[in-house]
Amino acid sequence: MLRIFKQYRPNQIARYVKSYFRGRLFIVGIGAFEFDCGRLLPPKNQNLKALNALSEVNREIQSLAADVI
């Protein structure tokens, strides 16, 4: 299943990744990502914008996990 996000909202993307655990997503203006084990994986095209988005979303995922505990 491929989810398309029209706007880059790290918190919303983090909640989606955390809930589905494995899959693919596309962020308009940034690119396509895969996620597994509740974390975004590095994209095939490693441009700076995609890597910054990857690290920011993964930080949001970690903060969601810290909020639960």
C-alpha atoms as a PDB file:
ATOM      1  CA  MET A   1       0.000   0.000   0.000  1.00  0.00           C
ATOM      2  CA  LEU A   2       1.362   3.408  -0.970  1.00  0.00           C
ATOM      3  CA  ARG A   3       0.266   6.461   0.986  1.00  0.00           C
ATOM      4  CA  ILE A   4       0.718   9.878  -0.622  1.00  0.00           C
ATOM      5  CA  PHE A   5       1.194  12.893   1.647  1.00  0.00           C
ATOM      6  CA  LYS A   6       0.472  16.177  -0.136  1.00  0.00           C
ATOM      7  CA  GLN A   7       2.091  18.249   2.608  1.00  0.00           C
ATOM      8  CA  TYR A   8       5.163  17.506   4.675  1.00  0.00           C
ATOM      9  CA  ARG A   9       3.989  17.155   8.280  1.00  0.00           C
ATOM     10  CA  PRO A  10       6.545  15.103  10.249  1.00  0.00           C
ATOM     11  CA  ASN A  11       4.204  14.311  13.154  1.00  0.00           C
ATOM     12  CA  GLN A  12       1.442  13.008  10.878  1.00  0.00           C
ATOM     13  CA  ILE A  13       3.904  10.916   8.862  1.00  0.00           C
ATOM     14  CA  ALA A  14       5.454   9.531  12.065  1.00  0.00           C
ATOM     15  CA  ARG A  15       2.049   8.426  13.368  1.00  0.00           C
ATOM     16  CA  TYR A  16       1.323   6.718  10.030  1.00  0.00           C
ATOM     17  CA  VAL A  17       4.682   4.894  10.011  1.00  0.00           C
ATOM     18  CA  LYS A  18       4.288   3.853  13.635  1.00  0.00           C
ATOM     19  CA  SER A  19       0.791   2.477  13.110  1.00  0.00           C
ATOM     20  CA  TYR A  20       1.430   0.511   9.889  1.00  0.00           C
ATOM     21  CA  PHE A  21       4.997  -0.615  10.758  1.00  0.00           C
ATOM     22  CA  ARG A  22       5.913  -1.636   7.159  1.00  0.00           C
ATOM     23  CA  GLY A  23       5.128  -0.144   3.769  1.00  0.00           C
ATOM     24  CA  ARG A  24       5.813   2.717   1.385  1.00  0.00           C
ATOM     25  CA  LEU A  25       4.924   6.385   1.294  1.00  0.00           C
ATOM     26  CA  PHE A  26       5.411   9.358  -0.981  1.00  0.00           C
ATOM     27  CA  ILE A  27       5.763  12.979   0.109  1.00  0.00           C
ATOM     28  CA  VAL A  28       5.008  15.502  -2.639  1.00  0.00           C
ATOM     29  CA  GLY A  29       8.059  17.683  -3.231  1.00  0.00           C
ATOM     30  CA  ILE A  30      10.440  15.362  -1.363  1.00  0.00           C
ATOM     31  CA  GLY A  31      10.139  11.858  -2.771  1.00  0.00           C
ATOM     32  CA  ALA A  32       9.353   8.221  -2.057  1.00  0.00           C
ATOM     33  CA  PHE A  33      10.298   6.324   1.097  1.00  0.00           C
ATOM     34  CA  GLU A  34       9.969   2.810   2.427  1.00  0.00           C
ATOM     35  CA  PHE A  35       9.545   2.006   6.088  1.00  0.00           C
ATOM     36  CA  ASP A  36      10.116  -1.162   8.048  1.00  0.00           C
ATOM     37  CA  CYS A  37      10.085  -1.934  11.776  1.00  0.00           C
ATOM     38  CA  GLY A  38       8.420   1.415  12.403  1.00  0.00           C
ATOM     39  CA  ARG A  39      11.323   3.478  10.966  1.00  0.00           C
ATOM     40  CA  LEU A  40      11.846   5.234   7.649  1.00  0.00           C
ATOM     41  CA  LEU A  41      14.597   3.699   5.541  1.00  0.00           C
ATOM     42  CA  PRO A  42      17.035   5.801   3.483  1.00  0.00           C
ATOM     43  CA  PRO A  43      15.684   6.604  -0.004  1.00  0.00           C
ATOM     44  CA  LYS A  44      17.328   5.369  -3.170  1.00  0.00           C
ATOM     45  CA  ASN A  45      18.001   8.927  -4.348  1.00  0.00           C
ATOM     46  CA  GLN A  46      19.965  10.462  -1.523  1.00  0.00           C
ATOM     47  CA  ASN A  47      19.376  14.167  -1.931  1.00  0.00           C
ATOM     48  CA  LEU A  48      19.764  16.466   1.042  1.00  0.00           C
ATOM     49  CA  LYS A  49      16.071  17.352   1.290  1.00  0.00           C
ATOM     50  CA  ALA A  50      15.042  13.672   1.491  1.00  0.00           C
ATOM     51  CA  LEU A  51      17.706  12.853   4.086  1.00  0.00           C
ATOM     52  CA  ASN A  52      16.650  15.804   6.259  1.00  0.00           C
ATOM     53  CA  ALA A  53      13.025  14.682   6.083  1.00  0.00           C
ATOM     54  CA  LEU A  54      14.065  11.112   6.932  1.00  0.00           C
ATOM     55  CA  SER A  55      15.944  12.148  10.049  1.00  0.00           C
ATOM     56  CA  GLU A  56      13.200  14.529  11.191  1.00  0.00           C
ATOM     57  CA  VAL A  57      10.442  11.908  10.824  1.00  0.00           C
ATOM     58  CA  ASN A  58      12.538   9.270  12.601  1.00  0.00           C
ATOM     59  CA  ARG A  59      13.085  11.722  15.488  1.00  0.00           C
ATOM     60  CA  GLU A  60       9.324  12.235  15.670  1.00  0.00           C
ATOM     61  CA  ILE A  61       8.834   8.455  15.786  1.00  0.00           C
ATOM     62  CA  GLN A  62      11.288   8.230  18.688  1.00  0.00           C
ATOM     63  CA  SER A  63       9.505  11.022  20.529  1.00  0.00           C
ATOM     64  CA  LEU A  64       6.168   9.235  20.049  1.00  0.00           C
ATOM     65  CA  ALA A  65       7.690   6.109  21.588  1.00  0.00           C
ATOM     66  CA  ALA A  66       9.035   8.149  24.514  1.00  0.00           C
ATOM     67  CA  ASP A  67       5.600   9.690  25.136  1.00  0.00           C
ATOM     68  CA  VAL A  68       4.025   6.254  25.580  1.00  0.00           C
ATOM     69  CA  ILE A  69       6.425   5.171  28.328  1.00  0.00           C
END
